[in-house]
Amino acid sequence: MRGVPGTEAGRTRRWRMGSGARRAAEQAARERLAGPLIGAVGELGVAVAQRETAAAGVSAAEERAREHVRRAQAEAQEMVAAAAEAG
């Protein structure tokens, strides 16, 4: 007998219906989570790109700072040489 409560067929049918409902609920949960997860992955990608850009900026800033130090040292040497000649 198909689907008669209390029989093996009835229990199997109820199990399949419950299993189908469970699968549908799991699919709905995955779909609800997909949006926020995709958004989070996108934000992570942006953060990584910003970090790489910042890292590139640090090396450029370091080089500019080194150049300032070299110019300041050269100017200091010129001032010392000028003071020695004058004195």
PDB file of N, CA and C in Angstrom:
ATOM      1  N   MET A   1       0.836  -1.182   0.000  1.00  0.00           N
ATOM      2  CA  MET A   1       0.000   0.000   0.000  1.00  0.00           C
ATOM      3  C   MET A   1       0.880   1.244   0.000  1.00  0.00           C
ATOM      4  N   ARG A   2       0.571   2.104  -0.879  1.00  0.00           N
ATOM      5  CA  ARG A   2       1.414   3.275  -1.070  1.00  0.00           C
ATOM      6  C   ARG A   2       0.965   4.416  -0.162  1.00  0.00           C
ATOM      7  N   GLY A   3       1.889   4.860   0.724  1.00  0.00           N
ATOM      8  CA  GLY A   3       1.630   6.023   1.541  1.00  0.00           C
ATOM      9  C   GLY A   3       0.644   5.846   2.667  1.00  0.00           C
ATOM     10  N   VAL A   4       0.302   4.654   3.015  1.00  0.00           N
ATOM     11  CA  VAL A   4      -0.650   4.438   4.106  1.00  0.00           C
ATOM     12  C   VAL A   4       0.107   4.580   5.421  1.00  0.00           C
ATOM     13  N   PRO A   5      -0.386   5.471   6.310  1.00  0.00           N
ATOM     14  CA  PRO A   5       0.308   5.650   7.587  1.00  0.00           C
ATOM     15  C   PRO A   5       0.467   4.334   8.328  1.00  0.00           C
ATOM     16  N   GLY A   6       1.605   4.188   8.963  1.00  0.00           N
ATOM     17  CA  GLY A   6       1.864   2.986   9.749  1.00  0.00           C
ATOM     18  C   GLY A   6       2.480   1.857   8.959  1.00  0.00           C
ATOM     19  N   THR A   7       2.513   1.997   7.646  1.00  0.00           N
ATOM     20  CA  THR A   7       3.132   0.957   6.822  1.00  0.00           C
ATOM     21  C   THR A   7       4.533   1.403   6.437  1.00  0.00           C
ATOM     22  N   GLU A   8       5.319   0.469   5.965  1.00  0.00           N
ATOM     23  CA  GLU A   8       6.681   0.786   5.528  1.00  0.00           C
ATOM     24  C   GLU A   8       6.659   1.814   4.404  1.00  0.00           C
ATOM     25  N   ALA A   9       5.739   1.657   3.467  1.00  0.00           N
ATOM     26  CA  ALA A   9       5.631   2.603   2.356  1.00  0.00           C
ATOM     27  C   ALA A   9       5.272   3.993   2.866  1.00  0.00           C
ATOM     28  N   GLY A  10       4.412   4.079   3.850  1.00  0.00           N
ATOM     29  CA  GLY A  10       4.025   5.369   4.423  1.00  0.00           C
ATOM     30  C   GLY A  10       5.193   6.034   5.123  1.00  0.00           C
ATOM     31  N   ARG A  11       5.961   5.251   5.882  1.00  0.00           N
ATOM     32  CA  ARG A  11       7.130   5.808   6.565  1.00  0.00           C
ATOM     33  C   ARG A  11       8.170   6.286   5.553  1.00  0.00           C
ATOM     34  N   THR A  12       8.367   5.504   4.497  1.00  0.00           N
ATOM     35  CA  THR A  12       9.323   5.878   3.465  1.00  0.00           C
ATOM     36  C   THR A  12       8.884   7.163   2.781  1.00  0.00           C
ATOM     37  N   ARG A  13       7.587   7.262   2.508  1.00  0.00           N
ATOM     38  CA  ARG A  13       7.076   8.459   1.839  1.00  0.00           C
ATOM     39  C   ARG A  13       7.245   9.681   2.733  1.00  0.00           C
ATOM     40  N   ARG A  14       6.910   9.544   4.016  1.00  0.00           N
ATOM     41  CA  ARG A  14       7.077  10.674   4.938  1.00  0.00           C
ATOM     42  C   ARG A  14       8.552  11.059   5.050  1.00  0.00           C
ATOM     43  N   TRP A  15       9.434  10.059   5.061  1.00  0.00           N
ATOM     44  CA  TRP A  15      10.873  10.340   5.150  1.00  0.00           C
ATOM     45  C   TRP A  15      11.332  11.115   3.920  1.00  0.00           C
ATOM     46  N   ARG A  16      10.867  10.680   2.748  1.00  0.00           N
ATOM     47  CA  ARG A  16      11.247  11.363   1.513  1.00  0.00           C
ATOM     48  C   ARG A  16      10.709  12.784   1.494  1.00  0.00           C
ATOM     49  N   MET A  17       9.491  12.984   1.960  1.00  0.00           N
ATOM     50  CA  MET A  17       8.916  14.319   2.003  1.00  0.00           C
ATOM     51  C   MET A  17       9.723  15.192   2.973  1.00  0.00           C
ATOM     52  N   GLY A  18      10.059  14.629   4.115  1.00  0.00           N
ATOM     53  CA  GLY A  18      10.862  15.367   5.087  1.00  0.00           C
ATOM     54  C   GLY A  18      12.242  15.664   4.542  1.00  0.00           C
ATOM     55  N   SER A  19      12.810  14.702   3.848  1.00  0.00           N
ATOM     56  CA  SER A  19      14.123  14.878   3.260  1.00  0.00           C
ATOM     57  C   SER A  19      14.085  15.967   2.193  1.00  0.00           C
ATOM     58  N   GLY A  20      13.041  15.975   1.394  1.00  0.00           N
ATOM     59  CA  GLY A  20      12.878  17.008   0.367  1.00  0.00           C
ATOM     60  C   GLY A  20      12.729  18.386   0.991  1.00  0.00           C
ATOM     61  N   ALA A  21      11.962  18.458   2.057  1.00  0.00           N
ATOM     62  CA  ALA A  21      11.779  19.737   2.748  1.00  0.00           C
ATOM     63  C   ALA A  21      13.095  20.203   3.358  1.00  0.00           C
ATOM     64  N   ARG A  22      13.846  19.255   3.892  1.00  0.00           N
ATOM     65  CA  ARG A  22      15.144  19.592   4.471  1.00  0.00           C
ATOM     66  C   ARG A  22      16.090  20.113   3.386  1.00  0.00           C
ATOM     67  N   ARG A  23      16.096  19.433   2.242  1.00  0.00           N
ATOM     68  CA  ARG A  23      16.945  19.879   1.141  1.00  0.00           C
ATOM     69  C   ARG A  23      16.526  21.273   0.668  1.00  0.00           C
ATOM     70  N   ALA A  24      15.230  21.515   0.600  1.00  0.00           N
ATOM     71  CA  ALA A  24      14.741  22.832   0.179  1.00  0.00           C
ATOM     72  C   ALA A  24      15.149  23.904   1.188  1.00  0.00           C
ATOM     73  N   ALA A  25      15.061  23.582   2.474  1.00  0.00           N
ATOM     74  CA  ALA A  25      15.456  24.537   3.510  1.00  0.00           C
ATOM     75  C   ALA A  25      16.953  24.806   3.446  1.00  0.00           C
ATOM     76  N   GLU A  26      17.749  23.760   3.221  1.00  0.00           N
ATOM     77  CA  GLU A  26      19.196  23.940   3.107  1.00  0.00           C
ATOM     78  C   GLU A  26      19.542  24.804   1.897  1.00  0.00           C
ATOM     79  N   GLN A  27      18.849  24.569   0.779  1.00  0.00           N
ATOM     80  CA  GLN A  27      19.083  25.361  -0.427  1.00  0.00           C
ATOM     81  C   GLN A  27      18.703  26.815  -0.176  1.00  0.00           C
ATOM     82  N   ALA A  28      17.580  27.037   0.483  1.00  0.00           N
ATOM     83  CA  ALA A  28      17.160  28.412   0.788  1.00  0.00           C
ATOM     84  C   ALA A  28      18.180  29.097   1.694  1.00  0.00           C
ATOM     85  N   ALA A  29      18.710  28.373   2.666  1.00  0.00           N
ATOM     86  CA  ALA A  29      19.721  28.942   3.567  1.00  0.00           C
ATOM     87  C   ALA A  29      20.988  29.287   2.790  1.00  0.00           C
ATOM     88  N   ARG A  30      21.387  28.404   1.875  1.00  0.00           N
ATOM     89  CA  ARG A  30      22.577  28.687   1.066  1.00  0.00           C
ATOM     90  C   ARG A  30      22.362  29.938   0.216  1.00  0.00           C
ATOM     91  N   GLU A  31      21.182  30.064  -0.352  1.00  0.00           N
ATOM     92  CA  GLU A  31      20.891  31.230  -1.181  1.00  0.00           C
ATOM     93  C   GLU A  31      20.878  32.510  -0.353  1.00  0.00           C
ATOM     94  N   ARG A  32      20.331  32.446   0.879  1.00  0.00           N
ATOM     95  CA  ARG A  32      20.318  33.623   1.749  1.00  0.00           C
ATOM     96  C   ARG A  32      21.737  34.022   2.143  1.00  0.00           C
ATOM     97  N   LEU A  33      22.610  33.045   2.319  1.00  0.00           N
ATOM     98  CA  LEU A  33      23.992  33.335   2.709  1.00  0.00           C
ATOM     99  C   LEU A  33      24.855  33.774   1.531  1.00  0.00           C
ATOM    100  N   ALA A  34      24.453  33.399   0.334  1.00  0.00           N
ATOM    101  CA  ALA A  34      25.279  33.671  -0.844  1.00  0.00           C
ATOM    102  C   ALA A  34      25.529  35.168  -1.021  1.00  0.00           C
ATOM    103  N   GLY A  35      24.499  35.984  -0.879  1.00  0.00           N
ATOM    104  CA  GLY A  35      24.660  37.429  -1.070  1.00  0.00           C
ATOM    105  C   GLY A  35      25.689  38.024  -0.133  1.00  0.00           C
ATOM    106  N   PRO A  36      25.534  37.836   1.194  1.00  0.00           N
ATOM    107  CA  PRO A  36      26.528  38.386   2.113  1.00  0.00           C
ATOM    108  C   PRO A  36      27.930  37.815   1.893  1.00  0.00           C
ATOM    109  N   LEU A  37      28.013  36.537   1.546  1.00  0.00           N
ATOM    110  CA  LEU A  37      29.329  35.946   1.319  1.00  0.00           C
ATOM    111  C   LEU A  37      29.995  36.547   0.089  1.00  0.00           C
ATOM    112  N   ILE A  38      29.216  36.728  -0.956  1.00  0.00           N
ATOM    113  CA  ILE A  38      29.770  37.332  -2.171  1.00  0.00           C
ATOM    114  C   ILE A  38      30.211  38.760  -1.873  1.00  0.00           C
ATOM    115  N   GLY A  39      29.404  39.470  -1.089  1.00  0.00           N
ATOM    116  CA  GLY A  39      29.786  40.830  -0.702  1.00  0.00           C
ATOM    117  C   GLY A  39      31.066  40.839   0.112  1.00  0.00           C
ATOM    118  N   ALA A  40      31.192  39.898   1.033  1.00  0.00           N
ATOM    119  CA  ALA A  40      32.394  39.827   1.873  1.00  0.00           C
ATOM    120  C   ALA A  40      33.626  39.510   1.038  1.00  0.00           C
ATOM    121  N   VAL A  41      33.470  38.618   0.078  1.00  0.00           N
ATOM    122  CA  VAL A  41      34.598  38.278  -0.802  1.00  0.00           C
ATOM    123  C   VAL A  41      35.002  39.501  -1.616  1.00  0.00           C
ATOM    124  N   GLY A  42      34.023  40.251  -2.089  1.00  0.00           N
ATOM    125  CA  GLY A  42      34.320  41.469  -2.833  1.00  0.00           C
ATOM    126  C   GLY A  42      35.059  42.481  -1.977  1.00  0.00           C
ATOM    127  N   GLU A  43      34.601  42.658  -0.737  1.00  0.00           N
ATOM    128  CA  GLU A  43      35.266  43.594   0.173  1.00  0.00           C
ATOM    129  C   GLU A  43      36.692  43.143   0.482  1.00  0.00           C
ATOM    130  N   LEU A  44      36.872  41.838   0.623  1.00  0.00           N
ATOM    131  CA  LEU A  44      38.213  41.321   0.870  1.00  0.00           C
ATOM    132  C   LEU A  44      39.125  41.604  -0.316  1.00  0.00           C
ATOM    133  N   GLY A  45      38.603  41.433  -1.520  1.00  0.00           N
ATOM    134  CA  GLY A  45      39.391  41.738  -2.711  1.00  0.00           C
ATOM    135  C   GLY A  45      39.802  43.206  -2.762  1.00  0.00           C
ATOM    136  N   VAL A  46      38.874  44.085  -2.405  1.00  0.00           N
ATOM    137  CA  VAL A  46      39.183  45.524  -2.381  1.00  0.00           C
ATOM    138  C   VAL A  46      40.260  45.802  -1.339  1.00  0.00           C
ATOM    139  N   ALA A  47      40.132  45.190  -0.165  1.00  0.00           N
ATOM    140  CA  ALA A  47      41.118  45.412   0.902  1.00  0.00           C
ATOM    141  C   ALA A  47      42.505  44.944   0.478  1.00  0.00           C
ATOM    142  N   VAL A  48      42.569  43.806  -0.182  1.00  0.00           N
ATOM    143  CA  VAL A  48      43.869  43.295  -0.644  1.00  0.00           C
ATOM    144  C   VAL A  48      44.472  44.254  -1.672  1.00  0.00           C
ATOM    145  N   ALA A  49      43.640  44.741  -2.577  1.00  0.00           N
ATOM    146  CA  ALA A  49      44.138  45.681  -3.586  1.00  0.00           C
ATOM    147  C   ALA A  49      44.622  46.974  -2.939  1.00  0.00           C
ATOM    148  N   GLN A  50      43.878  47.459  -1.946  1.00  0.00           N
ATOM    149  CA  GLN A  50      44.298  48.684  -1.251  1.00  0.00           C
ATOM    150  C   GLN A  50      45.602  48.454  -0.502  1.00  0.00           C
ATOM    151  N   ARG A  51      45.738  47.286   0.074  1.00  0.00           N
ATOM    152  CA  ARG A  51      46.976  46.965   0.795  1.00  0.00           C
ATOM    153  C   ARG A  51      48.168  46.955  -0.158  1.00  0.00           C
ATOM    154  N   GLU A  52      47.986  46.342  -1.320  1.00  0.00           N
ATOM    155  CA  GLU A  52      49.069  46.302  -2.307  1.00  0.00           C
ATOM    156  C   GLU A  52      49.419  47.704  -2.789  1.00  0.00           C
ATOM    157  N   THR A  53      48.401  48.530  -3.001  1.00  0.00           N
ATOM    158  CA  THR A  53      48.638  49.912  -3.420  1.00  0.00           C
ATOM    159  C   THR A  53      49.390  50.671  -2.335  1.00  0.00           C
ATOM    160  N   ALA A  54      48.982  50.462  -1.088  1.00  0.00           N
ATOM    161  CA  ALA A  54      49.654  51.131   0.032  1.00  0.00           C
ATOM    162  C   ALA A  54      51.103  50.669   0.147  1.00  0.00           C
ATOM    163  N   ALA A  55      51.334  49.376  -0.046  1.00  0.00           N
ATOM    164  CA  ALA A  55      52.700  48.852   0.037  1.00  0.00           C
ATOM    165  C   ALA A  55      53.574  49.475  -1.055  1.00  0.00           C
ATOM    166  N   ALA A  56      53.015  49.632  -2.235  1.00  0.00           N
ATOM    167  CA  ALA A  56      53.775  50.268  -3.313  1.00  0.00           C
ATOM    168  C   ALA A  56      54.048  51.726  -2.963  1.00  0.00           C
ATOM    169  N   GLY A  57      53.103  52.381  -2.329  1.00  0.00           N
ATOM    170  CA  GLY A  57      53.285  53.770  -1.928  1.00  0.00           C
ATOM    171  C   GLY A  57      54.358  53.929  -0.868  1.00  0.00           C
ATOM    172  N   VAL A  58      54.493  52.942   0.005  1.00  0.00           N
ATOM    173  CA  VAL A  58      55.502  53.006   1.065  1.00  0.00           C
ATOM    174  C   VAL A  58      56.895  53.003   0.460  1.00  0.00           C
ATOM    175  N   SER A  59      57.155  52.141  -0.496  1.00  0.00           N
ATOM    176  CA  SER A  59      58.489  52.094  -1.090  1.00  0.00           C
ATOM    177  C   SER A  59      58.799  53.397  -1.830  1.00  0.00           C
ATOM    178  N   ALA A  60      57.803  53.974  -2.483  1.00  0.00           N
ATOM    179  CA  ALA A  60      58.022  55.255  -3.170  1.00  0.00           C
ATOM    180  C   ALA A  60      58.310  56.356  -2.146  1.00  0.00           C
ATOM    181  N   ALA A  61      57.584  56.359  -1.045  1.00  0.00           N
ATOM    182  CA  ALA A  61      57.809  57.361   0.004  1.00  0.00           C
ATOM    183  C   ALA A  61      59.187  57.191   0.632  1.00  0.00           C
ATOM    184  N   GLU A  62      59.607  55.961   0.822  1.00  0.00           N
ATOM    185  CA  GLU A  62      60.943  55.713   1.372  1.00  0.00           C
ATOM    186  C   GLU A  62      62.015  56.275   0.447  1.00  0.00           C
ATOM    187  N   GLU A  63      61.852  56.078  -0.848  1.00  0.00           N
ATOM    188  CA  GLU A  63      62.840  56.583  -1.804  1.00  0.00           C
ATOM    189  C   GLU A  63      62.860  58.108  -1.798  1.00  0.00           C
ATOM    190  N   ARG A  64      61.690  58.744  -1.730  1.00  0.00           N
ATOM    191  CA  ARG A  64      61.650  60.208  -1.654  1.00  0.00           C
ATOM    192  C   ARG A  64      62.344  60.697  -0.385  1.00  0.00           C
ATOM    193  N   ALA A  65      62.125  59.994   0.722  1.00  0.00           N
ATOM    194  CA  ALA A  65      62.775  60.380   1.986  1.00  0.00           C
ATOM    195  C   ALA A  65      64.285  60.243   1.878  1.00  0.00           C
ATOM    196  N   ARG A  66      64.768  59.161   1.253  1.00  0.00           N
ATOM    197  CA  ARG A  66      66.205  58.986   1.068  1.00  0.00           C
ATOM    198  C   ARG A  66      66.792  60.141   0.239  1.00  0.00           C
ATOM    199  N   GLU A  67      66.076  60.534  -0.794  1.00  0.00           N
ATOM    200  CA  GLU A  67      66.537  61.639  -1.648  1.00  0.00           C
ATOM    201  C   GLU A  67      66.598  62.936  -0.845  1.00  0.00           C
ATOM    202  N   HIS A  68      65.621  63.197   0.005  1.00  0.00           N
ATOM    203  CA  HIS A  68      65.659  64.396   0.864  1.00  0.00           C
ATOM    204  C   HIS A  68      66.880  64.359   1.782  1.00  0.00           C
ATOM    205  N   VAL A  69      67.157  63.197   2.348  1.00  0.00           N
ATOM    206  CA  VAL A  69      68.309  63.064   3.250  1.00  0.00           C
ATOM    207  C   VAL A  69      69.601  63.306   2.477  1.00  0.00           C
ATOM    208  N   ARG A  70      69.707  62.759   1.275  1.00  0.00           N
ATOM    209  CA  ARG A  70      70.920  62.965   0.467  1.00  0.00           C
ATOM    210  C   ARG A  70      71.116  64.450   0.147  1.00  0.00           C
ATOM    211  N   ARG A  71      70.037  65.127  -0.224  1.00  0.00           N
ATOM    212  CA  ARG A  71      70.151  66.565  -0.512  1.00  0.00           C
ATOM    213  C   ARG A  71      70.547  67.353   0.730  1.00  0.00           C
ATOM    214  N   ALA A  72      69.948  67.008   1.868  1.00  0.00           N
ATOM    215  CA  ALA A  72      70.283  67.715   3.114  1.00  0.00           C
ATOM    216  C   ALA A  72      71.742  67.480   3.490  1.00  0.00           C
ATOM    217  N   GLN A  73      72.223  66.261   3.307  1.00  0.00           N
ATOM    218  CA  GLN A  73      73.634  65.979   3.610  1.00  0.00           C
ATOM    219  C   GLN A  73      74.550  66.761   2.681  1.00  0.00           C
ATOM    220  N   ALA A  74      74.199  66.834   1.406  1.00  0.00           N
ATOM    221  CA  ALA A  74      75.019  67.574   0.437  1.00  0.00           C
ATOM    222  C   ALA A  74      75.047  69.056   0.799  1.00  0.00           C
ATOM    223  N   GLU A  75      73.891  69.613   1.156  1.00  0.00           N
ATOM    224  CA  GLU A  75      73.839  71.021   1.554  1.00  0.00           C
ATOM    225  C   GLU A  75      74.668  71.265   2.813  1.00  0.00           C
ATOM    226  N   ALA A  76      74.603  70.352   3.769  1.00  0.00           N
ATOM    227  CA  ALA A  76      75.385  70.494   5.012  1.00  0.00           C
ATOM    228  C   ALA A  76      76.870  70.464   4.702  1.00  0.00           C
ATOM    229  N   GLN A  77      77.291  69.580   3.803  1.00  0.00           N
ATOM    230  CA  GLN A  77      78.712  69.524   3.431  1.00  0.00           C
ATOM    231  C   GLN A  77      79.146  70.807   2.746  1.00  0.00           C
ATOM    232  N   GLU A  78      78.289  71.353   1.885  1.00  0.00           N
ATOM    233  CA  GLU A  78      78.616  72.616   1.220  1.00  0.00           C
ATOM    234  C   GLU A  78      78.744  73.751   2.233  1.00  0.00           C
ATOM    235  N   MET A  79      77.849  73.761   3.221  1.00  0.00           N
ATOM    236  CA  MET A  79      77.907  74.813   4.254  1.00  0.00           C
ATOM    237  C   MET A  79      79.178  74.695   5.088  1.00  0.00           C
ATOM    238  N   VAL A  80      79.569  73.467   5.436  1.00  0.00           N
ATOM    239  CA  VAL A  80      80.791  73.249   6.210  1.00  0.00           C
ATOM    240  C   VAL A  80      81.997  73.687   5.387  1.00  0.00           C
ATOM    241  N   ALA A  81      82.021  73.334   4.091  1.00  0.00           N
ATOM    242  CA  ALA A  81      83.145  73.709   3.223  1.00  0.00           C
ATOM    243  C   ALA A  81      83.216  75.233   3.086  1.00  0.00           C
ATOM    244  N   ALA A  82      82.079  75.905   2.919  1.00  0.00           N
ATOM    245  CA  ALA A  82      82.042  77.356   2.798  1.00  0.00           C
ATOM    246  C   ALA A  82      82.504  78.021   4.075  1.00  0.00           C
ATOM    247  N   ALA A  83      82.118  77.467   5.223  1.00  0.00           N
ATOM    248  CA  ALA A  83      82.530  78.036   6.505  1.00  0.00           C
ATOM    249  C   ALA A  83      84.022  77.848   6.711  1.00  0.00           C
ATOM    250  N   ALA A  84      84.580  76.734   6.254  1.00  0.00           N
ATOM    251  CA  ALA A  84      86.017  76.460   6.405  1.00  0.00           C
ATOM    252  C   ALA A  84      86.814  77.422   5.537  1.00  0.00           C
ATOM    253  N   GLU A  85      86.339  77.735   4.332  1.00  0.00           N
ATOM    254  CA  GLU A  85      87.018  78.657   3.435  1.00  0.00           C
ATOM    255  C   GLU A  85      86.957  80.087   3.990  1.00  0.00           C
ATOM    256  N   ALA A  86      85.846  80.406   4.595  1.00  0.00           N
ATOM    257  CA  ALA A  86      85.663  81.766   5.101  1.00  0.00           C
ATOM    258  C   ALA A  86      86.474  81.969   6.381  1.00  0.00           C
ATOM    259  N   GLY A  87      86.703  80.918   7.087  1.00  0.00           N
ATOM    260  CA  GLY A  87      87.337  81.045   8.382  1.00  0.00           C
ATOM    261  C   GLY A  87      88.791  80.959   8.347  1.00  0.00           C
TER     262      GLY A  87
END
